[in-house]
Amino acid sequence: MQAVDPALIKSALRKELRAARRAHVAALDPRIRALTFLRPPSPLLALVPSDAIIGLYHAGLDEAPAGAYARFFHDAGHGIALPWFAARGAPMEFRLWRSPHIEELLEPGPFGILQPLADAGVAVPTFLLLPLVGFSAEGARLGQGGGHYDRWLADHRGTAAVGMAWDCQKVDSLPDEAHDQALTAVVTPTRLYGPFEVGH
């Protein structure tokens, strides 16, 4: 029997999980949604070094919101960095978001996602909170398919990488490819998965 291409399985899963995520977010009472992801859970905070630069993301419409975490860590004295792209084909880097209380310090990047201004300082996060399309309870991550985070993490071994997700994004298992980078943990509105063993 011919093996199924993992890339094809992932593509089908992305379509299915994006639809499930969209339906889940649409069904949320706005008052309830406003109360999610307000403060990192204590077990997650225990993983964050006191001098860490925190890498986050500017959430898309249905993604787990990261803005409150950005403000929390900024107010706790951490530097905040967001993904930054010079062009669509350029590698992902991170630049400082001088204050997550001020949206005007961001501008649309080449993918239409808000990113720090071009003159913002370059930063290398030592603790990374990242978006995902799907995840497993063992720390596997299904991303958007561009590979930006996998490549960045491969170049920055040892960086703690924590996925942020809605509970509906959990799957039983995910295909594993050589370039996939496992997560340190996953945080959802109801629980923290992990931390997982290094080398998972």
N, C-alpha and C. Protein backbone atom coordinates (compact mmCIF):
# COMPACT_ATOMS: atom_id res chain seq x y z
N MET A 1 0.84 -1.18 0.00
CA MET A 1 0.00 0.00 0.00
C MET A 1 0.88 1.25 0.00
N GLN A 2 0.58 2.21 -0.86
CA GLN A 2 1.38 3.42 -0.97
C GLN A 2 1.09 4.35 0.22
N ALA A 3 2.18 4.88 0.80
CA ALA A 3 2.03 5.78 1.94
C ALA A 3 1.42 7.10 1.48
N VAL A 4 0.59 7.69 2.34
CA VAL A 4 -0.02 8.97 2.04
C VAL A 4 0.98 10.08 2.35
N ASP A 5 1.10 11.02 1.44
CA ASP A 5 2.02 12.14 1.61
C ASP A 5 1.61 12.97 2.83
N PRO A 6 2.52 13.14 3.82
CA PRO A 6 2.18 13.93 5.01
C PRO A 6 1.73 15.35 4.66
N ALA A 7 2.30 15.91 3.60
CA ALA A 7 1.93 17.28 3.21
C ALA A 7 0.47 17.35 2.78
N LEU A 8 -0.03 16.29 2.13
CA LEU A 8 -1.43 16.25 1.72
C LEU A 8 -2.35 16.12 2.93
N ILE A 9 -1.94 15.31 3.90
CA ILE A 9 -2.72 15.16 5.13
C ILE A 9 -2.79 16.50 5.85
N LYS A 10 -1.66 17.19 5.93
CA LYS A 10 -1.63 18.49 6.61
C LYS A 10 -2.52 19.51 5.91
N SER A 11 -2.49 19.51 4.59
CA SER A 11 -3.32 20.45 3.83
C SER A 11 -4.80 20.24 4.12
N ALA A 12 -5.22 18.97 4.14
CA ALA A 12 -6.62 18.66 4.44
C ALA A 12 -6.96 19.05 5.88
N LEU A 13 -6.04 18.79 6.81
CA LEU A 13 -6.27 19.15 8.21
C LEU A 13 -6.39 20.66 8.38
N ARG A 14 -5.55 21.41 7.66
CA ARG A 14 -5.63 22.88 7.77
C ARG A 14 -7.01 23.37 7.36
N LYS A 15 -7.54 22.85 6.28
CA LYS A 15 -8.86 23.27 5.82
C LYS A 15 -9.92 22.94 6.87
N GLU A 16 -9.85 21.73 7.41
CA GLU A 16 -10.83 21.28 8.40
C GLU A 16 -10.72 22.10 9.70
N LEU A 17 -9.50 22.31 10.16
CA LEU A 17 -9.30 22.99 11.44
C LEU A 17 -9.57 24.49 11.35
N ARG A 18 -9.26 25.10 10.21
CA ARG A 18 -9.60 26.51 10.04
C ARG A 18 -11.11 26.71 10.09
N ALA A 19 -11.85 25.80 9.46
CA ALA A 19 -13.31 25.89 9.48
C ALA A 19 -13.84 25.71 10.90
N ALA A 20 -13.27 24.75 11.64
CA ALA A 20 -13.70 24.51 13.02
C ALA A 20 -13.37 25.71 13.90
N ARG A 21 -12.20 26.29 13.69
CA ARG A 21 -11.81 27.47 14.48
C ARG A 21 -12.72 28.65 14.18
N ARG A 22 -13.02 28.85 12.91
CA ARG A 22 -13.89 29.96 12.50
C ARG A 22 -15.27 29.80 13.15
N ALA A 23 -15.82 28.59 13.12
CA ALA A 23 -17.13 28.34 13.70
C ALA A 23 -17.11 28.52 15.22
N HIS A 24 -16.03 28.07 15.83
CA HIS A 24 -15.91 28.19 17.29
C HIS A 24 -15.89 29.66 17.72
N VAL A 25 -15.06 30.46 17.05
CA VAL A 25 -14.94 31.87 17.41
C VAL A 25 -16.25 32.61 17.13
N ALA A 26 -16.90 32.29 16.02
CA ALA A 26 -18.17 32.94 15.69
C ALA A 26 -19.25 32.64 16.72
N ALA A 27 -19.16 31.46 17.34
CA ALA A 27 -20.18 31.07 18.32
C ALA A 27 -19.91 31.61 19.73
N LEU A 28 -18.73 32.16 19.95
CA LEU A 28 -18.39 32.66 21.28
C LEU A 28 -19.16 33.94 21.60
N ASP A 29 -19.69 34.01 22.79
CA ASP A 29 -20.26 35.26 23.28
C ASP A 29 -19.13 36.28 23.37
N PRO A 30 -19.27 37.45 22.75
CA PRO A 30 -18.19 38.44 22.78
C PRO A 30 -17.71 38.77 24.18
N ARG A 31 -18.60 38.71 25.16
CA ARG A 31 -18.19 38.99 26.54
C ARG A 31 -17.28 37.90 27.08
N ILE A 32 -17.54 36.66 26.66
CA ILE A 32 -16.69 35.55 27.07
C ILE A 32 -15.35 35.62 26.36
N ARG A 33 -15.40 35.91 25.06
CA ARG A 33 -14.15 36.00 24.30
C ARG A 33 -13.24 37.07 24.87
N ALA A 34 -13.82 38.17 25.34
CA ALA A 34 -13.02 39.26 25.89
C ALA A 34 -12.29 38.85 27.17
N LEU A 35 -12.72 37.77 27.79
CA LEU A 35 -12.11 37.32 29.04
C LEU A 35 -11.08 36.21 28.84
N THR A 36 -10.86 35.79 27.59
CA THR A 36 -9.91 34.70 27.33
C THR A 36 -8.51 35.26 27.09
N PHE A 37 -7.52 34.47 27.46
CA PHE A 37 -6.11 34.81 27.25
C PHE A 37 -5.75 36.19 27.82
N LEU A 38 -6.28 36.50 29.01
CA LEU A 38 -5.98 37.79 29.63
C LEU A 38 -4.62 37.78 30.34
N ARG A 39 -4.30 36.64 30.97
CA ARG A 39 -3.08 36.55 31.76
C ARG A 39 -2.51 35.14 31.61
N PRO A 40 -1.20 35.01 31.37
CA PRO A 40 -0.63 33.66 31.26
C PRO A 40 -0.83 32.88 32.55
N PRO A 41 -1.14 31.59 32.46
CA PRO A 41 -1.30 30.78 33.67
C PRO A 41 0.02 30.67 34.43
N SER A 42 -0.06 30.52 35.74
CA SER A 42 1.14 30.49 36.59
C SER A 42 2.17 29.44 36.16
N PRO A 43 1.75 28.20 35.78
CA PRO A 43 2.75 27.22 35.35
C PRO A 43 3.52 27.68 34.11
N LEU A 44 2.88 28.46 33.26
CA LEU A 44 3.57 28.98 32.08
C LEU A 44 4.55 30.08 32.49
N LEU A 45 4.14 30.95 33.40
CA LEU A 45 5.02 32.02 33.87
C LEU A 45 6.29 31.45 34.51
N ALA A 46 6.17 30.27 35.10
CA ALA A 46 7.33 29.66 35.74
C ALA A 46 8.41 29.27 34.72
N LEU A 47 8.04 29.18 33.44
CA LEU A 47 9.00 28.82 32.39
C LEU A 47 9.72 30.03 31.81
N VAL A 48 9.28 31.24 32.17
CA VAL A 48 9.79 32.45 31.53
C VAL A 48 10.96 33.03 32.34
N PRO A 49 12.16 33.10 31.75
CA PRO A 49 13.28 33.72 32.46
C PRO A 49 12.98 35.19 32.76
N SER A 50 13.53 35.69 33.85
CA SER A 50 13.23 37.05 34.28
C SER A 50 13.69 38.10 33.28
N ASP A 51 14.72 37.78 32.49
CA ASP A 51 15.25 38.75 31.52
C ASP A 51 14.83 38.42 30.08
N ALA A 52 13.82 37.58 29.91
CA ALA A 52 13.44 37.11 28.58
C ALA A 52 12.87 38.23 27.71
N ILE A 53 13.25 38.20 26.45
CA ILE A 53 12.54 38.97 25.43
C ILE A 53 11.42 38.06 24.93
N ILE A 54 10.20 38.54 24.98
CA ILE A 54 9.04 37.71 24.64
C ILE A 54 8.64 37.94 23.18
N GLY A 55 8.68 36.89 22.40
CA GLY A 55 8.18 36.94 21.03
C GLY A 55 6.71 36.58 21.01
N LEU A 56 5.90 37.40 20.36
CA LEU A 56 4.48 37.14 20.24
C LEU A 56 4.06 37.35 18.79
N TYR A 57 2.78 37.48 18.54
CA TYR A 57 2.27 37.68 17.19
C TYR A 57 1.06 38.57 17.25
N HIS A 58 0.77 39.23 16.15
CA HIS A 58 -0.46 40.03 16.05
C HIS A 58 -1.52 39.11 15.46
N ALA A 59 -2.51 38.74 16.27
CA ALA A 59 -3.45 37.69 15.89
C ALA A 59 -4.35 38.08 14.73
N GLY A 60 -4.59 37.10 13.85
CA GLY A 60 -5.58 37.25 12.81
C GLY A 60 -6.97 37.11 13.41
N LEU A 61 -7.98 37.23 12.57
CA LEU A 61 -9.37 37.31 13.02
C LEU A 61 -9.78 36.16 13.93
N ASP A 62 -9.42 34.92 13.59
CA ASP A 62 -9.87 33.76 14.34
C ASP A 62 -8.79 33.15 15.23
N GLU A 63 -7.58 33.68 15.18
CA GLU A 63 -6.49 33.12 15.97
C GLU A 63 -6.67 33.46 17.45
N ALA A 64 -6.06 32.65 18.30
CA ALA A 64 -6.06 32.95 19.72
C ALA A 64 -5.43 34.33 19.93
N PRO A 65 -6.11 35.24 20.61
CA PRO A 65 -5.59 36.60 20.76
C PRO A 65 -4.37 36.64 21.67
N ALA A 66 -3.36 37.41 21.26
CA ALA A 66 -2.12 37.49 22.03
C ALA A 66 -1.88 38.88 22.60
N GLY A 67 -2.78 39.83 22.32
CA GLY A 67 -2.57 41.21 22.74
C GLY A 67 -2.48 41.40 24.25
N ALA A 68 -3.34 40.71 25.00
CA ALA A 68 -3.31 40.87 26.46
C ALA A 68 -2.03 40.28 27.05
N TYR A 69 -1.54 39.17 26.48
CA TYR A 69 -0.26 38.61 26.92
C TYR A 69 0.86 39.61 26.65
N ALA A 70 0.83 40.26 25.48
CA ALA A 70 1.86 41.24 25.14
C ALA A 70 1.87 42.36 26.17
N ARG A 71 0.70 42.86 26.51
CA ARG A 71 0.63 43.94 27.50
C ARG A 71 1.08 43.46 28.88
N PHE A 72 0.69 42.24 29.25
CA PHE A 72 1.08 41.68 30.55
C PHE A 72 2.60 41.61 30.66
N PHE A 73 3.24 41.02 29.67
CA PHE A 73 4.70 40.86 29.74
C PHE A 73 5.42 42.20 29.63
N HIS A 74 4.90 43.11 28.82
CA HIS A 74 5.50 44.44 28.72
C HIS A 74 5.44 45.15 30.07
N ASP A 75 4.28 45.10 30.71
CA ASP A 75 4.12 45.77 32.00
C ASP A 75 4.95 45.10 33.09
N ALA A 76 5.33 43.82 32.87
CA ALA A 76 6.20 43.12 33.83
C ALA A 76 7.67 43.39 33.56
N GLY A 77 7.96 44.22 32.55
CA GLY A 77 9.34 44.62 32.28
C GLY A 77 10.04 43.89 31.17
N HIS A 78 9.35 43.03 30.44
CA HIS A 78 9.96 42.28 29.35
C HIS A 78 9.91 43.08 28.04
N GLY A 79 10.92 42.90 27.21
CA GLY A 79 10.85 43.41 25.85
C GLY A 79 9.89 42.55 25.05
N ILE A 80 9.12 43.18 24.14
CA ILE A 80 8.15 42.48 23.32
C ILE A 80 8.57 42.57 21.86
N ALA A 81 8.60 41.44 21.18
CA ALA A 81 9.00 41.41 19.77
C ALA A 81 7.95 40.69 18.94
N LEU A 82 7.73 41.18 17.73
CA LEU A 82 6.79 40.57 16.80
C LEU A 82 7.51 40.16 15.52
N PRO A 83 6.96 39.19 14.78
CA PRO A 83 7.55 38.84 13.49
C PRO A 83 7.60 40.04 12.56
N TRP A 84 8.66 40.09 11.77
CA TRP A 84 8.86 41.19 10.82
C TRP A 84 9.41 40.62 9.52
N PHE A 85 8.84 41.04 8.40
CA PHE A 85 9.27 40.60 7.08
C PHE A 85 9.61 41.81 6.23
N ALA A 86 10.77 41.77 5.57
CA ALA A 86 11.14 42.84 4.64
C ALA A 86 10.36 42.71 3.34
N ALA A 87 10.04 41.47 2.95
CA ALA A 87 9.30 41.18 1.72
C ALA A 87 8.71 39.78 1.86
N ARG A 88 7.82 39.41 0.96
CA ARG A 88 7.14 38.11 1.07
C ARG A 88 8.13 36.95 1.03
N GLY A 89 9.21 37.07 0.27
CA GLY A 89 10.16 35.97 0.16
C GLY A 89 11.29 36.05 1.17
N ALA A 90 11.28 37.05 2.03
CA ALA A 90 12.36 37.24 3.00
C ALA A 90 12.15 36.35 4.22
N PRO A 91 13.24 35.99 4.90
CA PRO A 91 13.10 35.19 6.13
C PRO A 91 12.44 36.00 7.23
N MET A 92 11.77 35.31 8.12
CA MET A 92 11.14 35.96 9.26
C MET A 92 12.20 36.36 10.27
N GLU A 93 12.12 37.59 10.73
CA GLU A 93 12.92 38.02 11.87
C GLU A 93 11.97 38.66 12.87
N PHE A 94 12.50 39.09 13.99
CA PHE A 94 11.67 39.74 15.00
C PHE A 94 12.19 41.15 15.25
N ARG A 95 11.26 42.07 15.46
CA ARG A 95 11.60 43.44 15.82
C ARG A 95 10.77 43.87 17.02
N LEU A 96 11.33 44.80 17.76
CA LEU A 96 10.70 45.22 19.01
C LEU A 96 9.42 46.02 18.76
N TRP A 97 8.41 45.70 19.54
CA TRP A 97 7.18 46.51 19.59
C TRP A 97 7.32 47.33 20.86
N ARG A 98 7.66 48.59 20.69
CA ARG A 98 8.07 49.40 21.83
C ARG A 98 7.01 49.50 22.91
N SER A 99 5.75 49.48 22.52
CA SER A 99 4.67 49.44 23.52
C SER A 99 3.45 48.76 22.93
N PRO A 100 3.06 47.60 23.48
CA PRO A 100 1.86 46.92 22.99
C PRO A 100 0.57 47.63 23.36
N HIS A 101 0.68 48.78 24.01
CA HIS A 101 -0.49 49.61 24.28
C HIS A 101 -0.76 50.58 23.13
N ILE A 102 0.15 50.62 22.14
CA ILE A 102 0.04 51.62 21.07
C ILE A 102 0.07 50.92 19.71
N GLU A 103 -1.11 50.74 19.11
CA GLU A 103 -1.20 50.08 17.80
C GLU A 103 -0.51 50.88 16.70
N GLU A 104 -0.39 52.21 16.90
CA GLU A 104 0.21 53.05 15.87
C GLU A 104 1.68 52.74 15.66
N LEU A 105 2.29 51.94 16.55
CA LEU A 105 3.68 51.54 16.38
C LEU A 105 3.80 50.32 15.48
N LEU A 106 2.69 49.94 14.85
CA LEU A 106 2.67 48.82 13.91
C LEU A 106 2.19 49.31 12.55
N GLU A 107 2.58 48.58 11.51
CA GLU A 107 2.13 48.87 10.15
C GLU A 107 1.96 47.57 9.39
N PRO A 108 1.14 47.54 8.33
CA PRO A 108 0.95 46.30 7.58
C PRO A 108 2.25 45.84 6.92
N GLY A 109 2.54 44.57 7.06
CA GLY A 109 3.70 43.99 6.41
C GLY A 109 3.33 43.42 5.05
N PRO A 110 4.27 42.74 4.39
CA PRO A 110 4.02 42.22 3.04
C PRO A 110 2.94 41.15 2.96
N PHE A 111 2.58 40.54 4.09
CA PHE A 111 1.49 39.56 4.10
C PHE A 111 0.19 40.17 4.58
N GLY A 112 0.17 41.49 4.81
CA GLY A 112 -1.03 42.16 5.29
C GLY A 112 -1.22 42.08 6.79
N ILE A 113 -0.25 41.51 7.50
CA ILE A 113 -0.32 41.38 8.95
C ILE A 113 0.45 42.54 9.58
N LEU A 114 -0.10 43.10 10.64
CA LEU A 114 0.58 44.21 11.31
C LEU A 114 1.90 43.74 11.90
N GLN A 115 2.93 44.56 11.71
CA GLN A 115 4.25 44.26 12.22
C GLN A 115 4.91 45.56 12.68
N PRO A 116 5.99 45.48 13.47
CA PRO A 116 6.64 46.71 13.93
C PRO A 116 7.11 47.57 12.76
N LEU A 117 7.27 48.85 13.04
CA LEU A 117 7.76 49.78 12.03
C LEU A 117 9.16 49.39 11.58
N ALA A 118 9.52 49.79 10.37
CA ALA A 118 10.79 49.39 9.78
C ALA A 118 12.00 49.85 10.60
N ASP A 119 11.84 50.94 11.36
CA ASP A 119 12.97 51.44 12.15
C ASP A 119 13.02 50.85 13.56
N ALA A 120 12.12 49.89 13.84
CA ALA A 120 12.14 49.24 15.16
C ALA A 120 13.38 48.37 15.28
N GLY A 121 13.89 48.25 16.50
CA GLY A 121 15.10 47.46 16.72
C GLY A 121 14.91 45.98 16.48
N VAL A 122 15.93 45.35 15.93
CA VAL A 122 15.92 43.89 15.73
C VAL A 122 16.08 43.22 17.09
N ALA A 123 15.35 42.14 17.30
CA ALA A 123 15.40 41.41 18.57
C ALA A 123 15.39 39.91 18.31
N VAL A 124 15.94 39.16 19.25
CA VAL A 124 15.89 37.70 19.19
C VAL A 124 15.16 37.21 20.44
N PRO A 125 13.91 36.81 20.30
CA PRO A 125 13.16 36.34 21.48
C PRO A 125 13.84 35.15 22.14
N THR A 126 13.78 35.12 23.45
CA THR A 126 14.26 33.96 24.20
C THR A 126 13.09 33.15 24.74
N PHE A 127 11.88 33.65 24.57
CA PHE A 127 10.66 32.92 24.91
C PHE A 127 9.62 33.31 23.87
N LEU A 128 9.10 32.31 23.17
CA LEU A 128 8.26 32.58 22.00
C LEU A 128 6.86 32.01 22.18
N LEU A 129 5.86 32.88 22.02
CA LEU A 129 4.45 32.47 21.98
C LEU A 129 3.99 32.60 20.54
N LEU A 130 3.52 31.52 19.95
CA LEU A 130 3.26 31.53 18.52
C LEU A 130 1.88 30.97 18.18
N PRO A 131 1.34 31.38 17.04
CA PRO A 131 0.02 30.91 16.62
C PRO A 131 0.11 29.53 15.98
N LEU A 132 -1.02 28.91 15.79
CA LEU A 132 -1.04 27.61 15.12
C LEU A 132 -2.43 27.35 14.56
N VAL A 133 -2.49 26.39 13.67
CA VAL A 133 -3.77 25.94 13.11
C VAL A 133 -4.26 24.72 13.88
N GLY A 134 -3.34 23.85 14.26
CA GLY A 134 -3.70 22.66 15.02
C GLY A 134 -2.54 22.22 15.90
N PHE A 135 -2.85 21.41 16.92
CA PHE A 135 -1.80 20.89 17.79
C PHE A 135 -2.24 19.56 18.37
N SER A 136 -1.27 18.79 18.83
CA SER A 136 -1.57 17.54 19.53
C SER A 136 -1.22 17.72 21.00
N ALA A 137 -1.76 16.84 21.84
CA ALA A 137 -1.51 16.91 23.27
C ALA A 137 -0.06 16.61 23.61
N GLU A 138 0.71 16.12 22.62
CA GLU A 138 2.12 15.81 22.84
C GLU A 138 3.04 16.94 22.39
N GLY A 139 2.47 18.03 21.84
CA GLY A 139 3.30 19.17 21.48
C GLY A 139 3.62 19.32 20.00
N ALA A 140 3.01 18.50 19.14
CA ALA A 140 3.20 18.71 17.71
C ALA A 140 2.36 19.91 17.27
N ARG A 141 2.86 20.65 16.27
CA ARG A 141 2.19 21.87 15.82
C ARG A 141 1.93 21.81 14.32
N LEU A 142 0.74 22.24 13.93
CA LEU A 142 0.40 22.43 12.53
C LEU A 142 0.27 23.93 12.30
N GLY A 143 1.16 24.48 11.49
CA GLY A 143 1.14 25.91 11.22
C GLY A 143 0.38 26.25 9.95
N GLN A 144 0.59 27.47 9.47
CA GLN A 144 -0.11 27.95 8.28
C GLN A 144 0.39 27.27 7.01
N GLY A 145 1.60 26.71 7.05
CA GLY A 145 2.12 26.03 5.87
C GLY A 145 3.30 26.73 5.23
N GLY A 146 3.61 27.94 5.69
CA GLY A 146 4.74 28.67 5.11
C GLY A 146 6.09 28.27 5.67
N GLY A 147 6.10 27.64 6.84
CA GLY A 147 7.34 27.16 7.44
C GLY A 147 8.18 28.23 8.12
N HIS A 148 7.64 29.44 8.26
CA HIS A 148 8.45 30.53 8.83
C HIS A 148 8.91 30.23 10.26
N TYR A 149 7.98 29.79 11.10
CA TYR A 149 8.35 29.52 12.49
C TYR A 149 9.26 28.29 12.59
N ASP A 150 9.02 27.25 11.80
CA ASP A 150 9.89 26.07 11.84
C ASP A 150 11.32 26.45 11.48
N ARG A 151 11.48 27.27 10.44
CA ARG A 151 12.84 27.67 10.05
C ARG A 151 13.49 28.53 11.13
N TRP A 152 12.70 29.46 11.70
CA TRP A 152 13.28 30.33 12.73
C TRP A 152 13.70 29.51 13.95
N LEU A 153 12.85 28.58 14.38
CA LEU A 153 13.18 27.75 15.54
C LEU A 153 14.36 26.83 15.27
N ALA A 154 14.46 26.33 14.04
CA ALA A 154 15.61 25.49 13.70
C ALA A 154 16.92 26.27 13.80
N ASP A 155 16.85 27.57 13.55
CA ASP A 155 18.04 28.42 13.64
C ASP A 155 18.28 28.96 15.05
N HIS A 156 17.32 28.75 15.95
CA HIS A 156 17.43 29.27 17.32
C HIS A 156 17.09 28.15 18.31
N ARG A 157 17.89 27.11 18.26
CA ARG A 157 17.68 25.95 19.13
C ARG A 157 17.72 26.37 20.59
N GLY A 158 16.86 25.77 21.38
CA GLY A 158 16.83 26.08 22.80
C GLY A 158 15.82 27.14 23.18
N THR A 159 15.22 27.82 22.17
CA THR A 159 14.19 28.81 22.47
C THR A 159 12.90 28.10 22.86
N ALA A 160 12.35 28.45 24.00
CA ALA A 160 11.07 27.88 24.41
C ALA A 160 9.98 28.39 23.47
N ALA A 161 9.20 27.48 22.91
CA ALA A 161 8.16 27.83 21.94
C ALA A 161 6.81 27.31 22.44
N VAL A 162 5.92 28.23 22.76
CA VAL A 162 4.62 27.87 23.33
C VAL A 162 3.51 28.27 22.37
N GLY A 163 2.71 27.31 21.96
CA GLY A 163 1.60 27.59 21.06
C GLY A 163 0.41 28.16 21.82
N MET A 164 -0.33 29.06 21.17
CA MET A 164 -1.58 29.59 21.73
C MET A 164 -2.71 29.16 20.82
N ALA A 165 -3.76 28.60 21.40
CA ALA A 165 -4.82 28.01 20.58
C ALA A 165 -6.14 27.95 21.32
N TRP A 166 -7.21 27.84 20.53
CA TRP A 166 -8.52 27.50 21.08
C TRP A 166 -8.55 25.98 21.28
N ASP A 167 -9.37 25.54 22.22
CA ASP A 167 -9.43 24.10 22.51
C ASP A 167 -9.85 23.27 21.29
N CYS A 168 -10.66 23.85 20.42
CA CYS A 168 -11.14 23.12 19.24
C CYS A 168 -10.02 22.81 18.24
N GLN A 169 -8.84 23.36 18.43
CA GLN A 169 -7.74 23.14 17.50
C GLN A 169 -6.91 21.91 17.83
N LYS A 170 -7.25 21.23 18.93
CA LYS A 170 -6.52 20.02 19.32
C LYS A 170 -6.94 18.84 18.45
N VAL A 171 -5.96 18.07 18.01
CA VAL A 171 -6.21 16.85 17.24
C VAL A 171 -5.50 15.68 17.91
N ASP A 172 -5.90 14.47 17.58
CA ASP A 172 -5.30 13.29 18.20
C ASP A 172 -3.85 13.12 17.83
N SER A 173 -3.53 13.38 16.56
CA SER A 173 -2.14 13.23 16.10
C SER A 173 -1.93 14.07 14.85
N LEU A 174 -0.66 14.35 14.55
CA LEU A 174 -0.29 15.11 13.36
C LEU A 174 0.84 14.40 12.64
N PRO A 175 0.85 14.46 11.30
CA PRO A 175 1.97 13.88 10.57
C PRO A 175 3.27 14.60 10.95
N ASP A 176 4.35 13.85 11.03
CA ASP A 176 5.63 14.42 11.44
C ASP A 176 6.58 14.45 10.24
N GLU A 177 7.09 15.63 9.92
CA GLU A 177 8.07 15.77 8.85
C GLU A 177 9.38 16.26 9.45
N ALA A 178 10.47 16.04 8.72
CA ALA A 178 11.81 16.31 9.25
C ALA A 178 11.98 17.76 9.69
N HIS A 179 11.31 18.71 9.01
CA HIS A 179 11.50 20.13 9.33
C HIS A 179 10.62 20.62 10.48
N ASP A 180 9.68 19.79 10.93
CA ASP A 180 8.74 20.23 11.98
C ASP A 180 9.45 20.43 13.31
N GLN A 181 9.14 21.53 13.97
CA GLN A 181 9.71 21.83 15.28
C GLN A 181 8.63 21.66 16.35
N ALA A 182 8.91 20.84 17.34
CA ALA A 182 7.94 20.58 18.41
C ALA A 182 7.85 21.77 19.36
N LEU A 183 6.73 21.85 20.04
CA LEU A 183 6.49 22.94 20.98
C LEU A 183 6.94 22.56 22.39
N THR A 184 7.23 23.58 23.19
CA THR A 184 7.55 23.38 24.60
C THR A 184 6.27 23.16 25.39
N ALA A 185 5.19 23.83 24.97
CA ALA A 185 3.90 23.73 25.64
C ALA A 185 2.84 24.34 24.72
N VAL A 186 1.58 24.14 25.07
CA VAL A 186 0.45 24.76 24.38
C VAL A 186 -0.51 25.29 25.43
N VAL A 187 -0.93 26.53 25.27
CA VAL A 187 -1.89 27.11 26.21
C VAL A 187 -3.21 27.38 25.48
N THR A 188 -4.32 26.97 26.10
CA THR A 188 -5.66 27.21 25.57
C THR A 188 -6.46 27.92 26.66
N PRO A 189 -7.69 28.34 26.38
CA PRO A 189 -8.48 29.00 27.42
C PRO A 189 -8.76 28.12 28.65
N THR A 190 -8.64 26.80 28.50
CA THR A 190 -9.01 25.92 29.61
C THR A 190 -7.85 25.18 30.26
N ARG A 191 -6.70 25.09 29.57
CA ARG A 191 -5.61 24.31 30.17
C ARG A 191 -4.27 24.60 29.51
N LEU A 192 -3.22 24.12 30.18
CA LEU A 192 -1.86 24.18 29.65
C LEU A 192 -1.41 22.75 29.37
N TYR A 193 -1.00 22.48 28.15
CA TYR A 193 -0.43 21.19 27.77
C TYR A 193 1.09 21.32 27.87
N GLY A 194 1.72 20.40 28.60
CA GLY A 194 3.16 20.47 28.78
C GLY A 194 3.52 21.12 30.10
N PRO A 195 4.77 21.51 30.30
CA PRO A 195 5.84 21.51 29.30
C PRO A 195 6.29 20.10 28.94
N PHE A 196 6.68 19.96 27.67
CA PHE A 196 7.13 18.66 27.16
C PHE A 196 8.63 18.55 27.31
N GLU A 197 9.12 17.32 27.31
CA GLU A 197 10.55 17.10 27.45
C GLU A 197 11.30 17.67 26.25
N VAL A 198 12.48 18.21 26.53
CA VAL A 198 13.33 18.72 25.44
C VAL A 198 13.71 17.56 24.55
N GLY A 199 13.67 17.80 23.25
CA GLY A 199 13.97 16.74 22.30
C GLY A 199 12.76 15.95 21.89
N HIS A 200 11.58 16.33 22.42
CA HIS A 200 10.32 15.67 22.04
C HIS A 200 10.13 15.75 20.53
